Amino acid sequence: MEVFNEQVVKRAKKPKNLIIKIIAVMLLILVPVLCIMLAYVITSYLIYVGFFIFLIGIYIVWYVFTSQKVEYEYSVVGDELEISKIISLRKRKRMCKVKIREIEKLEKGEKSIDGMRFSKSFIAAADIDRDEDNYYAVFNDPAYGKCLLIFTPNEQILQGMKGSLNKNIMLKIFYNKNV
């Protein structure tokens, strides 16, 4: 029987997201107002230009606001872990696909990977700053070389990975034994 587990993790909202939204709204207001003010100096047609820029700006601001909603989907099928990035439920992009038995290191906490160098990092964690919830997986990818995956799996995803993991990793994660 083949294992199938799935989890959706929402990315935490950061102050950077709020700043992007504030700047978008400020530009929505300032650019049309500037066009209307210039209409008195240059030509009256700039009033119409300002109005159309405002209408187009409403759509752009809506797009920016909804693009800030990001989710990650983890799915374990058989011996493969696939991670996809879902942006505002309108765009799905596969970030990485890993054979679970090719994972060299899987540990909780950033201390386990300090001093290591990676050619590619895949960050699919709910909140990258909450180190106690994140798992760090090191694996070799044929296209990139040594890669790092940072993700926040629940117990169901970990149980789905359990059968395909390296024996030493499995003992360390599930039974707290160092081999």
Protein backbone atom coordinates (compact mmCIF):
# COMPACT_ATOMS: atom_id res chain seq x y z
CA MET A 1 0.00 0.00 0.00
CA GLU A 2 1.40 3.38 -1.02
CA VAL A 3 1.50 6.18 1.55
CA PHE A 4 -0.15 9.52 0.73
CA ASN A 5 -0.08 12.42 3.18
CA GLU A 6 -0.69 16.07 2.51
CA GLN A 7 -0.40 19.29 4.51
CA VAL A 8 -0.99 22.96 3.68
CA VAL A 9 0.99 25.55 5.65
CA LYS A 10 0.22 29.27 5.47
CA ARG A 11 3.17 31.66 5.51
CA ALA A 12 3.14 34.01 8.47
CA LYS A 13 2.48 37.70 7.88
CA LYS A 14 5.54 39.90 8.36
CA PRO A 15 5.99 43.67 8.76
CA LYS A 16 7.48 43.70 5.25
CA ASN A 17 4.09 42.67 3.83
CA LEU A 18 2.38 45.56 5.62
CA ILE A 19 4.95 48.04 4.28
CA ILE A 20 4.37 46.80 0.71
CA LYS A 21 0.61 47.28 1.13
CA ILE A 22 1.02 50.80 2.54
CA ILE A 23 3.31 51.83 -0.33
CA ALA A 24 0.86 50.42 -2.89
CA VAL A 25 -2.04 52.41 -1.44
CA MET A 26 0.06 55.58 -1.23
CA LEU A 27 1.04 55.25 -4.90
CA LEU A 28 -2.61 54.62 -5.80
CA ILE A 29 -3.50 58.00 -4.33
CA LEU A 30 -0.41 60.07 -5.15
CA VAL A 31 0.02 59.34 -8.87
CA PRO A 32 -3.52 60.34 -9.95
CA VAL A 33 -3.44 63.41 -7.68
CA LEU A 34 -0.14 64.45 -9.26
CA CYS A 35 -1.65 64.05 -12.76
CA ILE A 36 -4.65 66.18 -11.79
CA MET A 37 -2.39 68.87 -10.32
CA LEU A 38 -0.28 68.92 -13.49
CA ALA A 39 -3.46 69.27 -15.56
CA TYR A 40 -3.76 72.88 -14.44
CA VAL A 41 -0.19 73.61 -15.61
CA ILE A 42 0.20 71.53 -18.79
CA THR A 43 -3.10 70.41 -20.31
CA SER A 44 -6.56 69.52 -19.10
CA TYR A 45 -6.34 66.03 -20.60
CA LEU A 46 -4.17 64.98 -17.69
CA ILE A 47 -7.33 64.90 -15.56
CA TYR A 48 -8.56 62.01 -17.71
CA VAL A 49 -5.14 60.35 -17.57
CA GLY A 50 -5.18 60.64 -13.77
CA PHE A 51 -8.65 59.08 -13.63
CA PHE A 52 -7.60 56.11 -15.80
CA ILE A 53 -4.39 55.65 -13.82
CA PHE A 54 -6.54 55.53 -10.67
CA LEU A 55 -8.81 52.84 -12.17
CA ILE A 56 -5.84 50.74 -13.31
CA GLY A 57 -4.17 51.35 -9.94
CA ILE A 58 -7.14 49.82 -8.10
CA TYR A 59 -6.57 46.55 -9.96
CA ILE A 60 -2.81 46.67 -9.33
CA VAL A 61 -3.31 47.30 -5.60
CA TRP A 62 -5.79 44.42 -5.39
CA TYR A 63 -3.24 42.18 -7.15
CA VAL A 64 -0.47 43.24 -4.74
CA PHE A 65 -2.70 42.65 -1.70
CA THR A 66 -3.75 39.17 -2.80
CA SER A 67 -0.21 38.20 -3.86
CA GLN A 68 0.88 38.54 -0.24
CA LYS A 69 -1.12 35.39 0.65
CA VAL A 70 1.30 32.47 0.24
CA GLU A 71 0.79 28.83 1.22
CA TYR A 72 3.06 25.81 0.98
CA GLU A 73 1.75 22.34 0.27
CA TYR A 74 3.75 19.34 1.45
CA SER A 75 2.80 15.96 0.03
CA VAL A 76 4.36 12.57 0.66
CA VAL A 77 3.58 9.98 -1.99
CA GLY A 78 5.41 6.69 -1.58
CA ASP A 79 9.05 7.61 -1.05
CA GLU A 80 8.88 11.16 -2.46
CA LEU A 81 8.36 14.47 -0.73
CA GLU A 82 7.00 17.21 -2.99
CA ILE A 83 6.72 20.83 -1.91
CA SER A 84 4.64 23.35 -3.86
CA LYS A 85 4.20 27.08 -3.38
CA ILE A 86 0.65 28.39 -3.82
CA ILE A 87 0.26 32.13 -4.31
CA SER A 88 -3.20 33.51 -3.57
CA LEU A 89 -4.88 30.28 -4.76
CA ARG A 90 -4.30 31.36 -8.38
CA LYS A 91 -0.75 30.23 -9.07
CA ARG A 92 0.94 26.97 -8.11
CA LYS A 93 4.66 26.38 -8.48
CA ARG A 94 6.51 23.21 -7.58
CA MET A 95 9.49 24.18 -5.45
CA CYS A 96 11.19 20.82 -5.09
CA LYS A 97 10.70 17.09 -5.25
CA VAL A 98 12.94 14.95 -3.05
CA LYS A 99 13.38 11.21 -2.75
CA ILE A 100 13.05 10.72 0.99
CA ARG A 101 15.76 8.06 1.16
CA GLU A 102 18.23 10.57 -0.37
CA ILE A 103 17.88 12.94 2.60
CA GLU A 104 21.25 12.96 4.34
CA LYS A 105 20.27 15.01 7.37
CA LEU A 106 16.89 15.91 8.85
CA GLU A 107 16.90 17.78 12.12
CA LYS A 108 15.01 20.37 14.06
CA GLY A 109 16.78 23.64 14.68
CA GLU A 110 19.26 25.70 12.75
CA LYS A 111 22.24 24.66 14.87
CA SER A 112 22.45 21.38 12.99
CA ILE A 113 23.40 23.09 9.72
CA ASP A 114 25.67 25.86 10.99
CA GLY A 115 28.88 26.03 9.01
CA MET A 116 27.54 24.02 6.07
CA ARG A 117 27.44 25.45 2.54
CA PHE A 118 24.62 24.81 0.09
CA SER A 119 24.27 25.56 -3.58
CA LYS A 120 20.47 26.00 -3.30
CA SER A 121 18.08 26.61 -0.40
CA PHE A 122 14.35 25.92 -0.50
CA ILE A 123 12.45 27.83 2.19
CA ALA A 124 8.90 26.55 2.66
CA ALA A 125 8.39 27.24 6.35
CA ALA A 126 5.38 28.89 7.93
CA ASP A 127 7.65 31.31 9.80
CA ILE A 128 11.39 31.19 9.18
CA ASP A 129 12.05 33.00 12.47
CA ARG A 130 10.42 30.29 14.65
CA ASP A 131 13.34 27.91 14.75
CA GLU A 132 11.72 25.45 17.18
CA ASP A 133 9.04 24.45 14.62
CA ASN A 134 11.20 24.20 11.51
CA TYR A 135 12.93 21.11 10.18
CA TYR A 136 16.13 21.38 8.17
CA ALA A 137 16.74 18.70 5.53
CA VAL A 138 19.99 18.32 3.61
CA PHE A 139 19.92 16.39 0.34
CA ASN A 140 21.72 16.13 -3.00
CA ASP A 141 19.86 17.23 -6.11
CA PRO A 142 21.13 16.20 -9.56
CA ALA A 143 20.59 19.72 -10.94
CA TYR A 144 21.80 21.86 -8.02
CA GLY A 145 24.09 19.71 -5.90
CA LYS A 146 23.91 19.94 -2.12
CA CYS A 147 20.61 21.58 -1.14
CA LEU A 148 18.87 22.70 2.02
CA LEU A 149 15.12 22.44 2.61
CA ILE A 150 13.54 24.36 5.48
CA PHE A 151 9.95 23.31 6.16
CA THR A 152 7.38 22.94 8.95
CA PRO A 153 5.85 19.45 8.70
CA ASN A 154 3.18 18.14 11.04
CA GLU A 155 3.25 14.69 12.63
CA GLN A 156 1.29 13.14 9.76
CA ILE A 157 3.89 14.18 7.16
CA LEU A 158 6.71 12.93 9.38
CA GLN A 159 4.94 9.59 9.84
CA GLY A 160 4.52 9.34 6.06
CA MET A 161 8.26 9.91 5.64
CA LYS A 162 9.18 7.45 8.39
CA GLY A 163 9.20 4.32 6.25
CA SER A 164 11.59 5.76 3.65
CA LEU A 165 13.99 7.68 5.90
CA ASN A 166 17.54 6.59 6.63
CA LYS A 167 17.71 4.43 9.77
CA ASN A 168 19.94 6.88 11.68
CA ILE A 169 17.66 9.84 10.90
CA MET A 170 14.56 7.86 11.86
CA LEU A 171 16.04 6.84 15.23
CA LYS A 172 17.10 10.39 15.98
CA ILE A 173 13.77 12.04 15.10
CA PHE A 174 11.21 9.50 16.30
CA TYR A 175 13.02 7.77 19.17
CA ASN A 176 15.45 10.54 20.30
CA LYS A 177 18.43 8.21 20.02
CA ASN A 178 21.76 9.39 18.65
CA VAL A 179 23.46 6.73 16.56
